[in-house]
Protein backbone atom coordinates (compact mmCIF):
# COMPACT_ATOMS: atom_id res chain seq x y z
CA MET A 1 101.95 147.45 42.60
CA ARG A 2 102.74 146.00 39.20
CA ASP A 3 99.88 144.75 37.11
CA PHE A 4 99.38 140.98 37.38
CA SER A 5 99.80 140.44 33.64
CA GLN A 6 103.13 142.28 33.75
CA GLU A 7 104.34 139.91 36.46
CA VAL A 8 103.14 136.93 34.43
CA TYR A 9 105.32 137.97 31.52
CA LYS A 10 108.34 137.63 33.81
CA VAL A 11 107.64 134.07 34.90
CA LEU A 12 110.64 132.37 33.40
CA PRO A 13 111.70 129.58 35.77
CA VAL A 14 115.15 129.26 34.30
CA HIS A 15 117.47 126.37 35.12
CA TYR A 16 119.16 126.54 31.77
CA GLY A 17 119.90 129.74 29.92
CA LEU A 18 122.07 131.25 27.26
CA ARG A 19 123.24 134.72 28.15
CA ASN A 20 123.89 135.62 24.53
CA LEU A 21 120.30 134.76 23.60
CA GLN A 22 119.02 136.97 26.38
CA MET A 23 121.28 139.86 25.37
CA ALA A 24 120.27 139.53 21.74
CA SER A 25 116.62 139.66 22.76
CA GLN A 26 117.20 142.76 24.85
CA GLN A 27 119.02 144.53 22.02
CA GLU A 28 116.22 143.71 19.59
CA THR A 29 113.64 144.95 22.09
CA LYS A 30 115.46 148.24 22.62
CA GLY A 31 115.34 148.81 18.88
CA LYS A 32 111.61 148.11 18.75
CA GLN A 33 110.98 150.31 21.77
CA GLY A 34 112.82 153.12 19.98
CA GLU A 35 110.62 152.64 16.92
CA SER A 36 107.53 152.68 19.13
CA ALA A 37 108.60 155.94 20.78
CA SER A 38 109.17 157.56 17.38
CA LYS A 39 105.73 156.53 16.19
CA LYS A 40 104.12 157.93 19.32
CA GLU A 41 105.88 161.24 18.78
CA SER A 42 104.52 161.38 15.25
CA GLY A 43 101.01 160.70 16.54
CA THR A 44 100.82 157.09 15.37
CA ALA A 45 99.50 154.69 18.02
CA THR A 46 101.58 151.55 18.32
CA LYS A 47 101.10 148.59 20.61
CA ALA A 48 104.29 147.82 22.56
CA ASN A 49 105.92 144.42 22.17
CA PRO A 50 107.09 143.42 25.66
CA VAL A 51 110.69 142.31 26.11
CA GLU A 52 109.46 139.27 27.95
CA ASN A 53 107.87 137.82 24.81
CA LEU A 54 111.22 137.85 23.06
CA GLU A 55 112.86 136.28 26.10
CA LEU A 56 110.24 133.54 26.11
CA ASP A 57 111.18 132.73 22.52
CA SER A 58 114.85 132.65 23.48
CA LEU A 59 114.14 130.37 26.42
CA PHE A 60 112.17 127.97 24.23
CA GLU A 61 115.09 127.85 21.82
CA ALA A 62 117.51 127.12 24.67
CA LEU A 63 115.32 124.44 26.25
CA GLU A 64 114.84 122.66 22.94
CA GLY A 65 118.59 122.61 22.25
CA ASP A 66 121.45 120.56 23.71
CA LEU A 67 121.07 121.30 27.43
CA THR A 68 124.24 119.43 28.36
CA SER A 69 126.36 122.10 26.66
CA LEU A 70 124.91 125.03 28.61
CA ASP A 71 127.01 127.05 31.04
CA ASN A 72 126.01 126.60 34.70
CA GLU A 73 127.31 130.05 35.68
CA ALA A 74 125.12 131.73 33.09
CA ALA A 75 122.16 129.64 34.26
CA LEU A 76 122.73 130.71 37.87
CA GLU A 77 122.87 134.37 36.88
CA LEU A 78 119.60 134.05 34.99
CA ILE A 79 117.96 132.27 37.91
CA ASP A 80 119.08 135.15 40.14
CA GLN A 81 117.71 137.69 37.71
CA TRP A 82 114.29 136.12 37.44
CA TYR A 83 114.09 135.35 41.13
CA SER A 84 114.71 139.01 41.93
CA SER A 85 111.88 139.94 39.55
CA LEU A 86 109.41 137.50 41.08
CA HIS A 87 110.04 137.13 44.80
CA LYS A 88 108.63 140.58 45.66
CA ALA A 89 105.34 139.86 43.91
CA LYS A 90 102.28 139.72 46.15
CA GLU A 91 100.48 137.12 44.04
CA PRO A 92 100.92 133.73 45.80
CA GLU A 93 101.18 131.85 42.48
CA ILE A 94 104.18 133.92 41.43
CA LYS A 95 105.81 133.74 44.88
CA GLU A 96 105.58 129.93 44.69
CA ILE A 97 107.54 129.95 41.44
CA ALA A 98 110.11 132.31 42.99
CA ASN A 99 110.57 129.90 45.92
CA SER A 100 111.02 127.00 43.52
CA LEU A 101 113.62 129.01 41.60
CA LYS A 102 115.46 129.56 44.87
CA ASN A 103 115.46 125.81 45.52
CA LEU A 104 116.66 125.18 41.97
CA LYS A 105 119.57 127.57 42.41
CA GLN A 106 120.64 125.86 45.63
CA LEU A 107 120.64 122.47 43.92
CA VAL A 108 122.59 123.67 40.88
CA LYS A 109 125.07 125.60 43.02
CA SER A 110 125.74 122.63 45.32
CA GLY A 111 127.09 120.53 42.47
CA LYS A 112 125.95 117.43 44.37
CA ALA A 113 122.30 117.26 43.36
CA THR A 114 121.12 114.18 41.51
CA GLY A 115 119.25 114.27 38.23
CA HIS A 116 116.13 113.16 40.07
CA GLU A 117 116.41 116.02 42.58
CA ILE A 118 116.86 118.69 39.91
CA GLY A 119 114.24 117.02 37.75
CA GLU A 120 111.66 117.08 40.55
CA VAL A 121 112.14 120.83 41.04
CA LEU A 122 111.87 121.48 37.30
CA ILE A 123 108.67 119.43 37.17
CA GLU A 124 107.33 121.44 40.10
CA ILE A 125 108.20 124.73 38.37
CA GLY A 126 106.64 123.44 35.16
CA ASP A 127 103.41 122.55 36.96
CA GLN A 128 103.34 125.91 38.73
CA THR A 129 103.89 127.73 35.43
CA SER A 130 101.10 125.76 33.76
CA ASP A 131 98.77 126.55 36.67
CA LEU A 132 99.66 130.22 36.39
CA ALA A 133 98.94 130.12 32.66
CA GLY A 134 95.38 129.07 33.43
CA GLU A 135 94.82 132.39 35.22
CA ALA A 136 96.91 134.51 32.84
CA ASP A 137 95.76 137.01 30.22
CA LYS A 138 95.00 135.70 26.75
CA GLU A 139 98.24 136.94 25.15
CA VAL A 140 100.48 134.98 27.55
CA LYS A 141 98.28 131.96 28.27
CA THR A 142 99.56 129.81 25.37
CA PRO A 143 103.30 130.55 25.72
CA LEU A 144 103.17 129.96 29.48
CA HIS A 145 101.38 126.64 28.98
CA ARG A 146 104.05 125.66 26.47
CA LEU A 147 106.82 126.73 28.86
CA GLY A 148 105.31 124.76 31.73
CA LYS A 149 105.05 121.59 29.65
CA GLN A 150 108.61 121.96 28.35
CA LEU A 151 110.06 122.39 31.84
CA SER A 152 108.15 119.37 33.13
CA LYS A 153 109.33 117.32 30.16
CA ILE A 154 112.96 118.24 30.86
CA GLY A 155 112.52 117.37 34.53
CA VAL A 156 111.23 113.90 33.63
CA SER A 157 114.04 113.34 31.11
CA LEU A 158 116.69 114.21 33.73
CA GLY A 159 115.33 111.50 36.01
CA LYS A 160 115.23 108.97 33.17
CA GLN A 161 118.80 109.78 32.18
CA GLU A 162 119.99 109.18 35.73
CA ASP A 163 118.02 105.92 35.83
CA ARG A 164 119.82 104.76 32.68
CA GLU A 165 123.18 105.61 34.22
CA GLN A 166 122.35 103.68 37.39
CA ILE A 167 121.22 100.65 35.39
CA GLU A 168 124.53 100.77 33.53
CA GLN A 169 126.33 100.82 36.89
CA ILE A 170 124.34 97.78 38.01
CA ASP A 171 125.25 95.98 34.78
CA SER A 172 128.91 96.81 35.35
CA LEU A 173 128.73 95.42 38.88
CA LEU A 174 127.06 92.27 37.58
CA GLU A 175 129.95 91.72 35.17
CA THR A 176 132.40 92.11 38.05
CA LEU A 177 130.58 89.62 40.27
CA GLU A 178 130.31 87.13 37.43
CA GLY A 179 134.09 87.21 37.03
CA ASP A 180 136.95 86.39 39.38
CA ILE A 181 136.29 88.63 42.40
CA THR A 182 139.55 87.58 44.05
CA GLY A 183 141.40 89.70 41.50
CA ILE A 184 139.58 92.92 42.43
CA GLU A 185 141.79 95.52 44.09
CA PRO A 186 140.50 96.69 47.51
CA GLU A 187 140.67 100.34 46.43
CA ALA A 188 138.53 99.63 43.36
CA ALA A 189 136.03 97.70 45.46
CA GLN A 190 135.81 100.57 47.95
CA GLY A 191 135.12 102.97 45.09
CA VAL A 192 132.15 100.88 43.95
CA VAL A 193 130.84 100.66 47.52
CA ASP A 194 131.20 104.43 47.98
CA THR A 195 129.22 105.08 44.80
CA TRP A 196 126.29 102.94 45.89
CA TYR A 197 126.40 104.17 49.47
CA SER A 198 126.21 107.81 48.35
CA LEU A 199 123.10 107.00 46.31
CA LEU A 200 121.29 105.12 49.06
CA HIS A 201 122.17 106.46 52.50
CA LYS A 202 120.00 109.59 52.20
CA SER A 203 116.94 107.63 51.11
CA GLU A 204 113.88 107.64 53.36
CA ASP A 205 113.08 104.08 52.30
CA GLU A 206 113.92 101.72 55.16
CA ASN A 207 114.96 98.88 52.84
CA LEU A 208 117.42 101.12 51.02
CA GLN A 209 118.78 102.43 54.32
CA GLU A 210 119.43 98.85 55.41
CA ILE A 211 121.38 98.22 52.21
CA ALA A 212 123.35 101.43 52.78
CA ASN A 213 124.24 100.26 56.29
CA GLY A 214 125.37 96.94 54.86
CA LEU A 215 127.54 98.74 52.32
CA LYS A 216 129.10 100.77 55.12
CA GLU A 217 129.92 97.56 56.96
CA LEU A 218 131.34 96.06 53.77
CA LYS A 219 133.62 99.06 53.29
CA GLN A 220 134.98 98.68 56.82
CA LEU A 221 135.86 95.07 56.02
CA LEU A 222 137.59 96.10 52.80
CA LYS A 223 139.77 98.49 54.80
CA ARG A 224 140.90 95.69 57.10
CA LYS A 225 144.03 94.08 55.72
CA THR A 226 143.48 91.03 57.89
CA ALA A 227 139.89 90.40 56.73
CA LYS A 228 139.27 86.95 55.26
CA GLY A 229 136.70 85.67 52.80
CA ALA A 230 134.62 84.20 55.59
CA ASP A 231 134.33 87.68 57.13
CA PHE A 232 132.70 88.99 53.96
CA ALA A 233 130.32 86.06 53.54
CA PRO A 234 127.50 87.08 55.92
CA VAL A 235 127.59 90.73 54.82
CA LEU A 236 127.39 89.88 51.12
CA THR A 237 124.69 87.27 51.69
CA ARG A 238 122.57 89.73 53.66
CA LEU A 239 123.12 92.46 51.04
CA GLY A 240 122.06 90.00 48.36
CA GLU A 241 118.82 89.14 50.14
CA GLN A 242 118.03 92.81 50.76
CA THR A 243 118.82 93.79 47.16
CA GLU A 244 116.67 90.99 45.78
CA GLN A 245 113.79 92.14 47.98
CA VAL A 246 114.16 95.73 46.76
CA GLY A 247 114.32 94.47 43.18
CA ALA A 248 110.99 92.69 43.59
CA GLU A 249 109.35 96.03 44.42
CA ALA A 250 111.43 98.19 42.06
CA ALA A 251 110.16 100.16 39.10
CA ARG A 252 110.19 98.77 35.61
CA GLY A 253 113.71 98.70 34.20
CA PHE A 254 115.31 98.18 37.62
CA LYS A 255 113.43 95.06 38.66
CA GLY A 256 115.38 92.54 36.56
CA PRO A 257 118.91 93.93 37.11
CA LEU A 258 118.40 94.36 40.87
CA LYS A 259 117.00 90.87 41.38
CA LYS A 260 119.90 89.43 39.40
CA LEU A 261 122.36 91.52 41.42
CA GLY A 262 120.81 90.28 44.66
CA LYS A 263 121.16 86.65 43.62
CA LEU A 264 124.79 87.15 42.60
CA LEU A 265 125.65 88.87 45.88
CA SER A 266 124.08 86.03 47.86
CA LYS A 267 125.85 83.44 45.71
CA THR A 268 129.18 85.22 46.19
CA GLY A 269 128.65 85.42 49.94
CA LYS A 270 127.83 81.71 50.21
CA SER A 271 130.86 80.76 48.11
CA LEU A 272 133.14 82.73 50.42
CA ALA A 273 131.68 80.96 53.44
CA GLU A 274 132.65 77.52 52.10
């Protein structure tokens, strides 16, 4: 069985990676290993510099760069590589990280995961890596702590970025509702409804599920060529009340826009009923 500290060196929960950085690290390591072998032959004792240390440095460089420009295929290959190194380990702490890497790969590969979903897994991997660092040997304790914090930080930032995008979508919808809604094309309206439905219908929150059901009903009305304004009125009014209620309990940043959206939906519904 591999020594625990050797396994620790390989704990690189990679969601983002640059293949060229990894290859450069491996080439540099091979050169140093060759130097070490030569010194041993000449009777000079030399302490080996593990390849994993160089790869940690490369990973830090990648994580601190522009993550949006990284290649998903390269990231998936790196996740596979590190998963294969970790999942056979007998230490439960390392197996947990391997399982999280597997979940991360599935999310990235699906192409449908939200920023919050990927962010939550990265935060989990970051926490697991930090916990592992607490039990690690002295030489890897600090870099593993740093890696864990960096991964958690990226996970949080992914969620915040998605939050900003959703707030922008709410603002865009507010502008639409404040204008002349009679001029909105049915196809465009269905696109907006689809966007919000896809975000809400998988939620475990009952209030959000109710809104998703209302959006589904609204889409059915939009598809009906014979639907009149009065048909939309009760659905929009109910959606407005539900959205305003969710806004009252929403997190900071969403509270104001959602409450305003709820009021506008209710107002629009009532105007169509007149």
